[in-house]
Every structure is written in C-alpha cells, then in structure tokens.
Amino acid sequence: MCEYGPAMVIYPEGIWYRYETEFDIEEIFNKHVVRGEHVTRLLIKPDLSKLHR
C-alpha cells in the first residue's frame, strides 16, 4: 500500500487510508475510530491485481 503514499490501516476491519495533513489524521480518528464512519475521500482502493503477480 505504500505506493499510494503515507498510509494507515484501521484494524480489525483492514480499512486503508491515505493522509497528507494532521487534519486528515484527526478526521480519520474522529470519524472512523470514534463514530465508526468511513472517510471516503481518504480511502485507498488498491489494485488487487498487483498482489497476484
């Protein structure tokens, strides 16, 4: 996932986020961790075909 830039994963769901600013990190924490909502604008949607090479 690092090819997408700085990233974090929320377990146990395995949801991957990219972030660029401290605001992004705070938003991920407040929305996903605290309220259980996805931050769709920061979701990483990997190309899974690359995993099978």
N, C-alpha and C. Protein backbone atom coordinates (compact mmCIF):
# COMPACT_ATOMS: atom_id res chain seq x y z
N MET A 1 0.81 -1.20 0.00
CA MET A 1 0.00 0.00 0.00
C MET A 1 0.85 1.26 0.00
N CYS A 2 2.10 1.13 0.33
CA CYS A 2 2.96 2.31 0.43
C CYS A 2 3.13 3.03 -0.90
N GLU A 3 2.85 2.38 -2.00
CA GLU A 3 2.95 3.05 -3.29
C GLU A 3 1.92 4.17 -3.43
N TYR A 4 0.93 4.19 -2.55
CA TYR A 4 -0.09 5.25 -2.56
C TYR A 4 0.32 6.45 -1.71
N GLY A 5 1.49 6.41 -1.11
CA GLY A 5 1.95 7.49 -0.25
C GLY A 5 1.77 7.12 1.21
N PRO A 6 1.90 8.11 2.12
CA PRO A 6 1.71 7.81 3.53
C PRO A 6 0.35 7.16 3.75
N ALA A 7 0.34 6.11 4.55
CA ALA A 7 -0.89 5.35 4.72
C ALA A 7 -1.04 4.87 6.15
N MET A 8 -2.28 4.57 6.51
CA MET A 8 -2.56 3.94 7.79
C MET A 8 -3.67 2.92 7.56
N VAL A 9 -3.69 1.91 8.40
CA VAL A 9 -4.73 0.89 8.32
C VAL A 9 -5.43 0.80 9.66
N ILE A 10 -6.75 0.66 9.61
CA ILE A 10 -7.55 0.52 10.82
C ILE A 10 -7.94 -0.95 10.94
N TYR A 11 -7.50 -1.58 12.02
CA TYR A 11 -7.84 -2.96 12.29
C TYR A 11 -8.92 -3.02 13.35
N PRO A 12 -9.76 -4.03 13.37
CA PRO A 12 -9.65 -5.29 12.65
C PRO A 12 -10.27 -5.25 11.26
N GLU A 13 -10.86 -4.12 10.85
CA GLU A 13 -11.54 -4.07 9.56
C GLU A 13 -10.59 -4.16 8.37
N GLY A 14 -9.36 -3.70 8.54
CA GLY A 14 -8.41 -3.69 7.43
C GLY A 14 -8.72 -2.58 6.44
N ILE A 15 -9.21 -1.45 6.93
CA ILE A 15 -9.54 -0.31 6.08
C ILE A 15 -8.30 0.56 5.95
N TRP A 16 -7.88 0.84 4.71
CA TRP A 16 -6.68 1.62 4.45
C TRP A 16 -7.03 3.05 4.08
N TYR A 17 -6.27 3.98 4.67
CA TYR A 17 -6.43 5.41 4.38
C TYR A 17 -5.09 6.01 3.96
N ARG A 18 -5.17 7.00 3.10
CA ARG A 18 -4.01 7.84 2.81
C ARG A 18 -4.24 9.15 3.56
N TYR A 19 -3.18 9.84 3.86
CA TYR A 19 -3.33 11.14 4.53
C TYR A 19 -2.19 12.05 4.11
N GLU A 20 -2.44 13.35 4.16
CA GLU A 20 -1.44 14.34 3.81
C GLU A 20 -1.21 15.35 4.92
N THR A 21 -2.20 15.56 5.76
CA THR A 21 -2.09 16.60 6.78
C THR A 21 -2.54 16.05 8.14
N GLU A 22 -2.23 16.82 9.18
CA GLU A 22 -2.70 16.45 10.51
C GLU A 22 -4.22 16.48 10.56
N PHE A 23 -4.84 17.40 9.79
CA PHE A 23 -6.30 17.45 9.73
C PHE A 23 -6.86 16.13 9.22
N ASP A 24 -6.22 15.54 8.19
CA ASP A 24 -6.66 14.25 7.67
C ASP A 24 -6.62 13.18 8.76
N ILE A 25 -5.54 13.15 9.52
CA ILE A 25 -5.40 12.16 10.59
C ILE A 25 -6.48 12.36 11.66
N GLU A 26 -6.71 13.60 12.04
CA GLU A 26 -7.76 13.89 13.02
C GLU A 26 -9.14 13.48 12.50
N GLU A 27 -9.37 13.73 11.21
CA GLU A 27 -10.66 13.35 10.62
C GLU A 27 -10.85 11.84 10.63
N ILE A 28 -9.79 11.11 10.27
CA ILE A 28 -9.86 9.65 10.28
C ILE A 28 -10.15 9.15 11.70
N PHE A 29 -9.45 9.71 12.67
CA PHE A 29 -9.67 9.29 14.06
C PHE A 29 -11.10 9.59 14.50
N ASN A 30 -11.52 10.83 14.31
CA ASN A 30 -12.84 11.24 14.80
C ASN A 30 -13.98 10.54 14.09
N LYS A 31 -13.89 10.38 12.78
CA LYS A 31 -14.99 9.76 12.03
C LYS A 31 -14.94 8.24 12.11
N HIS A 32 -13.77 7.63 11.85
CA HIS A 32 -13.72 6.18 11.76
C HIS A 32 -13.61 5.54 13.14
N VAL A 33 -12.63 5.97 13.91
CA VAL A 33 -12.38 5.31 15.20
C VAL A 33 -13.49 5.64 16.21
N VAL A 34 -13.85 6.90 16.30
CA VAL A 34 -14.82 7.31 17.32
C VAL A 34 -16.25 7.01 16.90
N ARG A 35 -16.61 7.39 15.65
CA ARG A 35 -18.01 7.26 15.23
C ARG A 35 -18.29 6.06 14.32
N GLY A 36 -17.26 5.36 13.88
CA GLY A 36 -17.46 4.18 13.05
C GLY A 36 -17.83 4.48 11.60
N GLU A 37 -17.53 5.69 11.13
CA GLU A 37 -17.84 6.07 9.75
C GLU A 37 -16.57 6.04 8.90
N HIS A 38 -16.71 5.71 7.63
CA HIS A 38 -15.56 5.77 6.72
C HIS A 38 -15.35 7.20 6.24
N VAL A 39 -14.10 7.56 6.04
CA VAL A 39 -13.75 8.86 5.47
C VAL A 39 -13.47 8.59 3.99
N THR A 40 -14.51 8.62 3.19
CA THR A 40 -14.42 8.16 1.81
C THR A 40 -13.40 8.92 0.98
N ARG A 41 -13.20 10.20 1.25
CA ARG A 41 -12.27 10.97 0.44
C ARG A 41 -10.81 10.54 0.65
N LEU A 42 -10.55 9.80 1.72
CA LEU A 42 -9.19 9.38 2.03
C LEU A 42 -8.98 7.87 1.90
N LEU A 43 -10.01 7.13 1.53
CA LEU A 43 -9.88 5.67 1.40
C LEU A 43 -8.90 5.31 0.29
N ILE A 44 -8.10 4.31 0.54
CA ILE A 44 -7.24 3.74 -0.51
C ILE A 44 -7.97 2.52 -1.05
N LYS A 45 -8.18 2.52 -2.34
CA LYS A 45 -8.81 1.38 -3.00
C LYS A 45 -7.74 0.73 -3.87
N PRO A 46 -7.04 -0.25 -3.32
CA PRO A 46 -5.89 -0.82 -4.02
C PRO A 46 -6.28 -1.62 -5.26
N ASP A 47 -5.33 -1.68 -6.17
CA ASP A 47 -5.45 -2.52 -7.35
C ASP A 47 -5.00 -3.92 -6.94
N LEU A 48 -5.93 -4.76 -6.58
CA LEU A 48 -5.60 -6.08 -6.05
C LEU A 48 -4.93 -6.99 -7.08
N SER A 49 -5.03 -6.66 -8.35
CA SER A 49 -4.39 -7.49 -9.37
C SER A 49 -2.87 -7.47 -9.21
N LYS A 50 -2.33 -6.43 -8.59
CA LYS A 50 -0.88 -6.34 -8.38
C LYS A 50 -0.40 -7.35 -7.35
N LEU A 51 -1.30 -7.83 -6.50
CA LEU A 51 -0.91 -8.79 -5.46
C LEU A 51 -0.71 -10.19 -6.00
N HIS A 52 -1.18 -10.45 -7.19
CA HIS A 52 -1.13 -11.82 -7.73
C HIS A 52 -0.07 -11.98 -8.81
N ARG A 53 0.91 -11.15 -8.82
CA ARG A 53 2.00 -11.25 -9.82
C ARG A 53 3.08 -12.16 -9.36
